């Protein structure tokens, strides 16, 4: 009986417990978000922020639950700070739409402006 219970426990833990990947995914997701932000600043291309929002969230979300969590925390935190400081209030809804689009697995290139260098 104990052997059966131990086997069931190990099976349940082994198949459902991917929690140990979460911190690594979160770290990688934060790096993806930073890379998108850095590329946006480097590109300095008009009307490209929605693309970089979507791309950062998409890349982070592809890492798994940890990356998706970090993308949401960073994106929502950034938007809240902008809303409080009254910088970018008019873009809040559009930015959040781009963030959600990328996090949900939507193609970031839908938001890509014409003329943005292919490097990005």
N, C-alpha and C. Protein backbone atom coordinates (compact mmCIF):
# COMPACT_ATOMS: atom_id res chain seq x y z
N UNK A 1 0.82 -1.20 0.00
CA UNK A 1 0.00 0.00 0.00
C UNK A 1 0.87 1.26 0.00
N UNK A 2 1.90 1.26 0.84
CA UNK A 2 2.79 2.42 0.90
C UNK A 2 3.50 2.62 -0.43
N UNK A 3 3.86 1.54 -1.08
CA UNK A 3 4.55 1.61 -2.36
C UNK A 3 3.64 2.22 -3.43
N UNK A 4 2.39 1.85 -3.41
CA UNK A 4 1.42 2.41 -4.37
C UNK A 4 1.24 3.90 -4.12
N UNK A 5 1.08 4.30 -2.86
CA UNK A 5 0.92 5.72 -2.53
C UNK A 5 2.16 6.52 -2.92
N UNK A 6 3.35 5.95 -2.65
CA UNK A 6 4.59 6.64 -3.02
C UNK A 6 4.68 6.78 -4.54
N UNK A 7 4.30 5.77 -5.27
CA UNK A 7 4.31 5.82 -6.74
C UNK A 7 3.35 6.86 -7.26
N UNK A 8 2.15 6.92 -6.72
CA UNK A 8 1.16 7.93 -7.13
C UNK A 8 1.66 9.34 -6.83
N UNK A 9 2.28 9.51 -5.65
CA UNK A 9 2.82 10.81 -5.27
C UNK A 9 3.91 11.24 -6.26
N UNK A 10 4.84 10.36 -6.56
CA UNK A 10 5.93 10.68 -7.49
C UNK A 10 5.39 10.97 -8.88
N UNK A 11 4.38 10.24 -9.30
CA UNK A 11 3.77 10.48 -10.60
C UNK A 11 3.13 11.86 -10.65
N UNK A 12 2.39 12.19 -9.59
CA UNK A 12 1.73 13.50 -9.53
C UNK A 12 2.75 14.62 -9.50
N UNK A 13 3.78 14.48 -8.70
CA UNK A 13 4.80 15.51 -8.59
C UNK A 13 5.57 15.64 -9.90
N UNK A 14 5.93 14.54 -10.49
CA UNK A 14 6.72 14.56 -11.72
C UNK A 14 5.99 15.14 -12.91
N UNK A 15 4.68 14.94 -13.00
CA UNK A 15 3.95 15.42 -14.16
C UNK A 15 3.41 16.83 -14.00
N UNK A 16 3.12 17.24 -12.78
CA UNK A 16 2.49 18.55 -12.59
C UNK A 16 3.41 19.61 -12.01
N UNK A 17 4.49 19.21 -11.44
CA UNK A 17 5.31 20.17 -10.71
C UNK A 17 6.45 20.69 -11.59
N UNK A 18 6.13 21.61 -12.43
CA UNK A 18 7.15 22.29 -13.22
C UNK A 18 7.48 23.62 -12.54
N UNK A 19 7.10 23.76 -11.28
CA UNK A 19 7.31 24.99 -10.53
C UNK A 19 8.77 25.36 -10.42
N UNK A 20 9.66 24.38 -10.47
CA UNK A 20 11.08 24.67 -10.33
C UNK A 20 11.65 25.39 -11.55
N UNK A 21 10.90 25.42 -12.65
CA UNK A 21 11.33 26.17 -13.84
C UNK A 21 10.93 27.65 -13.75
N UNK A 22 9.98 27.95 -12.89
CA UNK A 22 9.40 29.29 -12.82
C UNK A 22 10.44 30.39 -12.62
N UNK A 23 11.36 30.30 -11.66
CA UNK A 23 12.33 31.39 -11.48
C UNK A 23 13.21 31.61 -12.70
N UNK A 24 13.63 30.54 -13.34
CA UNK A 24 14.47 30.67 -14.54
C UNK A 24 13.67 31.33 -15.67
N UNK A 25 12.43 30.90 -15.85
CA UNK A 25 11.58 31.49 -16.89
C UNK A 25 11.34 32.97 -16.61
N UNK A 26 11.13 33.30 -15.34
CA UNK A 26 10.88 34.70 -14.97
C UNK A 26 12.11 35.55 -15.28
N UNK A 27 13.28 35.05 -14.95
CA UNK A 27 14.52 35.78 -15.22
C UNK A 27 14.69 35.97 -16.73
N UNK A 28 14.49 34.91 -17.49
CA UNK A 28 14.63 35.00 -18.95
C UNK A 28 13.58 35.94 -19.53
N UNK A 29 12.37 35.90 -18.99
CA UNK A 29 11.32 36.80 -19.46
C UNK A 29 11.67 38.26 -19.19
N UNK A 30 12.26 38.52 -18.02
CA UNK A 30 12.69 39.90 -17.71
C UNK A 30 13.77 40.33 -18.69
N UNK A 31 14.68 39.43 -19.05
CA UNK A 31 15.72 39.75 -20.03
C UNK A 31 15.10 40.05 -21.40
N UNK A 32 14.09 39.28 -21.77
CA UNK A 32 13.40 39.53 -23.05
C UNK A 32 12.75 40.90 -23.06
N UNK A 33 12.14 41.26 -21.95
CA UNK A 33 11.50 42.58 -21.85
C UNK A 33 12.56 43.68 -21.93
N UNK A 34 13.67 43.49 -21.26
CA UNK A 34 14.75 44.48 -21.29
C UNK A 34 15.30 44.62 -22.72
N UNK A 35 15.47 43.49 -23.41
CA UNK A 35 15.99 43.53 -24.78
C UNK A 35 15.04 44.31 -25.70
N UNK A 36 13.74 44.10 -25.56
CA UNK A 36 12.77 44.83 -26.37
C UNK A 36 12.83 46.33 -26.06
N UNK A 37 12.96 46.66 -24.79
CA UNK A 37 13.06 48.08 -24.40
C UNK A 37 14.33 48.71 -24.97
N UNK A 38 15.44 48.00 -24.83
CA UNK A 38 16.71 48.50 -25.33
C UNK A 38 16.66 48.69 -26.86
N UNK A 39 16.06 47.73 -27.56
CA UNK A 39 15.93 47.84 -29.02
C UNK A 39 15.03 49.01 -29.41
N UNK A 40 13.98 49.24 -28.62
CA UNK A 40 13.08 50.36 -28.91
C UNK A 40 13.84 51.68 -28.79
N UNK A 41 14.63 51.81 -27.74
CA UNK A 41 15.41 53.04 -27.55
C UNK A 41 16.47 53.19 -28.64
N UNK A 42 17.11 52.09 -29.01
CA UNK A 42 18.13 52.13 -30.05
C UNK A 42 17.54 52.47 -31.42
N UNK A 43 16.39 51.88 -31.73
CA UNK A 43 15.76 52.12 -33.03
C UNK A 43 15.30 53.56 -33.15
N UNK A 44 14.75 54.11 -32.06
CA UNK A 44 14.28 55.49 -32.05
C UNK A 44 13.44 55.77 -33.30
N UNK A 45 12.47 54.90 -33.54
CA UNK A 45 11.65 54.93 -34.75
C UNK A 45 10.23 55.33 -34.38
N UNK A 46 9.69 56.32 -35.07
CA UNK A 46 8.35 56.81 -34.76
C UNK A 46 7.31 55.70 -34.88
N UNK A 47 6.36 55.72 -33.93
CA UNK A 47 5.22 54.81 -33.90
C UNK A 47 5.61 53.34 -33.83
N UNK A 48 6.77 53.05 -33.24
CA UNK A 48 7.20 51.65 -33.13
C UNK A 48 6.99 51.09 -31.73
N UNK A 49 6.55 51.90 -30.78
CA UNK A 49 6.46 51.42 -29.40
C UNK A 49 5.48 50.26 -29.25
N UNK A 50 4.39 50.26 -30.01
CA UNK A 50 3.41 49.16 -29.90
C UNK A 50 4.05 47.85 -30.33
N UNK A 51 4.87 47.89 -31.37
CA UNK A 51 5.56 46.69 -31.84
C UNK A 51 6.49 46.16 -30.75
N UNK A 52 7.27 47.04 -30.14
CA UNK A 52 8.22 46.59 -29.13
C UNK A 52 7.51 46.11 -27.86
N UNK A 53 6.36 46.71 -27.54
CA UNK A 53 5.56 46.21 -26.42
C UNK A 53 5.12 44.78 -26.71
N UNK A 54 4.56 44.58 -27.89
CA UNK A 54 4.08 43.24 -28.27
C UNK A 54 5.23 42.24 -28.34
N UNK A 55 6.36 42.65 -28.91
CA UNK A 55 7.49 41.74 -29.06
C UNK A 55 8.07 41.33 -27.72
N UNK A 56 8.25 42.28 -26.81
CA UNK A 56 8.79 41.95 -25.50
C UNK A 56 7.89 40.99 -24.75
N UNK A 57 6.59 41.25 -24.77
CA UNK A 57 5.64 40.38 -24.09
C UNK A 57 5.57 39.00 -24.75
N UNK A 58 5.62 38.98 -26.08
CA UNK A 58 5.58 37.71 -26.80
C UNK A 58 6.80 36.86 -26.45
N UNK A 59 7.99 37.45 -26.55
CA UNK A 59 9.22 36.71 -26.27
C UNK A 59 9.23 36.18 -24.84
N UNK A 60 8.83 37.02 -23.90
CA UNK A 60 8.81 36.60 -22.49
C UNK A 60 7.79 35.49 -22.27
N UNK A 61 6.61 35.61 -22.86
CA UNK A 61 5.57 34.61 -22.66
C UNK A 61 5.95 33.26 -23.25
N UNK A 62 6.78 33.26 -24.27
CA UNK A 62 7.21 32.00 -24.87
C UNK A 62 8.11 31.20 -23.93
N UNK A 63 8.61 31.82 -22.90
CA UNK A 63 9.47 31.14 -21.92
C UNK A 63 8.66 30.19 -21.02
N UNK A 64 7.37 30.47 -20.86
CA UNK A 64 6.53 29.65 -19.99
C UNK A 64 5.82 30.52 -18.97
N UNK A 65 5.22 29.90 -17.96
CA UNK A 65 4.46 30.66 -16.96
C UNK A 65 5.28 31.73 -16.25
N UNK A 66 6.53 31.45 -15.95
CA UNK A 66 7.38 32.44 -15.29
C UNK A 66 7.61 33.66 -16.16
N UNK A 67 7.86 33.44 -17.43
CA UNK A 67 8.06 34.54 -18.38
C UNK A 67 6.79 35.35 -18.57
N UNK A 68 5.65 34.65 -18.67
CA UNK A 68 4.36 35.34 -18.80
C UNK A 68 4.09 36.20 -17.58
N UNK A 69 4.37 35.66 -16.40
CA UNK A 69 4.18 36.41 -15.16
C UNK A 69 5.05 37.67 -15.15
N UNK A 70 6.32 37.51 -15.50
CA UNK A 70 7.24 38.66 -15.47
C UNK A 70 6.83 39.71 -16.51
N UNK A 71 6.40 39.26 -17.68
CA UNK A 71 5.95 40.20 -18.71
C UNK A 71 4.77 41.03 -18.20
N UNK A 72 3.86 40.37 -17.52
CA UNK A 72 2.69 41.08 -17.00
C UNK A 72 3.09 42.07 -15.90
N UNK A 73 3.95 41.63 -14.99
CA UNK A 73 4.38 42.51 -13.90
C UNK A 73 5.10 43.74 -14.45
N UNK A 74 6.03 43.52 -15.37
CA UNK A 74 6.80 44.64 -15.93
C UNK A 74 5.91 45.56 -16.74
N UNK A 75 5.08 45.00 -17.62
CA UNK A 75 4.22 45.82 -18.47
C UNK A 75 3.21 46.62 -17.66
N UNK A 76 2.53 45.94 -16.75
CA UNK A 76 1.52 46.63 -15.95
C UNK A 76 2.17 47.66 -15.03
N UNK A 77 3.31 47.31 -14.46
CA UNK A 77 4.02 48.25 -13.60
C UNK A 77 4.44 49.50 -14.34
N UNK A 78 4.95 49.32 -15.54
CA UNK A 78 5.38 50.47 -16.35
C UNK A 78 4.19 51.36 -16.70
N UNK A 79 3.10 50.75 -17.08
CA UNK A 79 1.91 51.53 -17.46
C UNK A 79 1.32 52.26 -16.25
N UNK A 80 1.34 51.62 -15.10
CA UNK A 80 0.82 52.26 -13.89
C UNK A 80 1.67 53.48 -13.52
N UNK A 81 2.99 53.32 -13.60
CA UNK A 81 3.88 54.44 -13.30
C UNK A 81 3.63 55.58 -14.28
N UNK A 82 3.46 55.27 -15.56
CA UNK A 82 3.19 56.33 -16.55
C UNK A 82 1.85 57.01 -16.26
N UNK A 83 0.87 56.23 -15.85
CA UNK A 83 -0.43 56.80 -15.56
C UNK A 83 -0.36 57.74 -14.36
N UNK A 84 0.37 57.33 -13.32
CA UNK A 84 0.50 58.14 -12.11
C UNK A 84 1.25 59.44 -12.41
N UNK A 85 2.32 59.34 -13.19
CA UNK A 85 3.13 60.51 -13.50
C UNK A 85 2.55 61.33 -14.65
N UNK A 86 1.43 60.87 -15.18
CA UNK A 86 0.72 61.55 -16.27
C UNK A 86 1.57 61.64 -17.55
N UNK A 87 2.47 60.68 -17.70
CA UNK A 87 3.25 60.60 -18.94
C UNK A 87 2.71 59.44 -19.75
N UNK A 88 2.13 59.72 -20.88
CA UNK A 88 1.64 58.65 -21.74
C UNK A 88 0.23 58.19 -21.45
N UNK A 89 -0.58 59.03 -20.78
CA UNK A 89 -1.96 58.63 -20.49
C UNK A 89 -2.76 58.29 -21.74
N UNK A 90 -2.53 59.03 -22.81
CA UNK A 90 -3.32 58.80 -24.02
C UNK A 90 -2.98 57.46 -24.67
N UNK A 91 -1.78 56.94 -24.43
CA UNK A 91 -1.36 55.68 -25.03
C UNK A 91 -1.60 54.47 -24.14
N UNK A 92 -2.13 54.70 -22.96
CA UNK A 92 -2.27 53.62 -21.99
C UNK A 92 -3.05 52.43 -22.55
N UNK A 93 -4.22 52.67 -23.09
CA UNK A 93 -5.07 51.58 -23.58
C UNK A 93 -4.42 50.86 -24.76
N UNK A 94 -3.84 51.61 -25.68
CA UNK A 94 -3.20 50.99 -26.84
C UNK A 94 -1.98 50.17 -26.42
N UNK A 95 -1.21 50.68 -25.47
CA UNK A 95 -0.05 49.93 -24.98
C UNK A 95 -0.49 48.64 -24.31
N UNK A 96 -1.53 48.71 -23.50
CA UNK A 96 -2.02 47.52 -22.82
C UNK A 96 -2.54 46.49 -23.83
N UNK A 97 -3.19 46.96 -24.89
CA UNK A 97 -3.65 46.05 -25.93
C UNK A 97 -2.47 45.33 -26.58
N UNK A 98 -1.41 46.08 -26.86
CA UNK A 98 -0.20 45.48 -27.45
C UNK A 98 0.44 44.49 -26.48
N UNK A 99 0.47 44.85 -25.21
CA UNK A 99 1.03 43.94 -24.20
C UNK A 99 0.25 42.63 -24.15
N UNK A 100 -1.07 42.73 -24.09
CA UNK A 100 -1.91 41.53 -24.03
C UNK A 100 -1.79 40.71 -25.30
N UNK A 101 -1.72 41.40 -26.44
CA UNK A 101 -1.59 40.71 -27.73
C UNK A 101 -0.32 39.85 -27.73
N UNK A 102 0.78 40.41 -27.35
CA UNK A 102 2.04 39.67 -27.32
C UNK A 102 2.03 38.55 -26.31
N UNK A 103 1.51 38.81 -25.12
CA UNK A 103 1.47 37.77 -24.07
C UNK A 103 0.59 36.60 -24.44
N UNK A 104 -0.45 36.87 -25.23
CA UNK A 104 -1.36 35.79 -25.60
C UNK A 104 -0.85 34.98 -26.79
N UNK A 105 0.33 35.33 -27.29
CA UNK A 105 0.91 34.57 -28.40
C UNK A 105 0.64 35.16 -29.76
N UNK A 106 0.05 36.37 -29.80
CA UNK A 106 -0.20 37.04 -31.07
C UNK A 106 1.11 37.47 -31.74
N UNK A 107 1.13 37.46 -33.04
CA UNK A 107 2.33 37.82 -33.80
C UNK A 107 2.64 39.31 -33.60
N UNK A 108 3.82 39.64 -33.05
CA UNK A 108 4.17 41.05 -32.83
C UNK A 108 4.29 41.84 -34.13
N UNK A 109 4.54 41.15 -35.23
CA UNK A 109 4.71 41.85 -36.50
C UNK A 109 3.43 42.52 -36.99
N UNK A 110 2.29 42.16 -36.40
CA UNK A 110 1.04 42.84 -36.72
C UNK A 110 1.14 44.32 -36.34
N UNK A 111 1.90 44.60 -35.30
CA UNK A 111 2.06 45.96 -34.79
C UNK A 111 3.29 46.66 -35.38
N UNK A 112 4.01 45.99 -36.24
CA UNK A 112 5.27 46.52 -36.78
C UNK A 112 5.00 47.67 -37.76
N UNK A 113 5.63 48.82 -37.52
CA UNK A 113 5.43 49.95 -38.44
C UNK A 113 6.24 49.76 -39.72
N UNK A 114 5.73 50.30 -40.80
CA UNK A 114 6.45 50.22 -42.08
C UNK A 114 7.75 51.01 -41.95
N UNK A 115 8.81 50.44 -42.51
CA UNK A 115 10.09 51.12 -42.53
C UNK A 115 11.00 50.80 -41.36
N UNK A 116 10.50 50.08 -40.35
CA UNK A 116 11.35 49.71 -39.22
C UNK A 116 12.43 48.76 -39.74
N UNK A 117 13.69 49.04 -39.47
CA UNK A 117 14.77 48.19 -39.98
C UNK A 117 14.56 46.72 -39.60
N UNK A 118 14.94 45.83 -40.50
CA UNK A 118 14.73 44.39 -40.29
C UNK A 118 15.56 43.85 -39.13
N UNK A 119 16.53 44.62 -38.67
CA UNK A 119 17.35 44.23 -37.51
C UNK A 119 16.46 43.97 -36.31
N UNK A 120 15.33 44.67 -36.25
CA UNK A 120 14.43 44.55 -35.11
C UNK A 120 13.27 43.66 -35.46
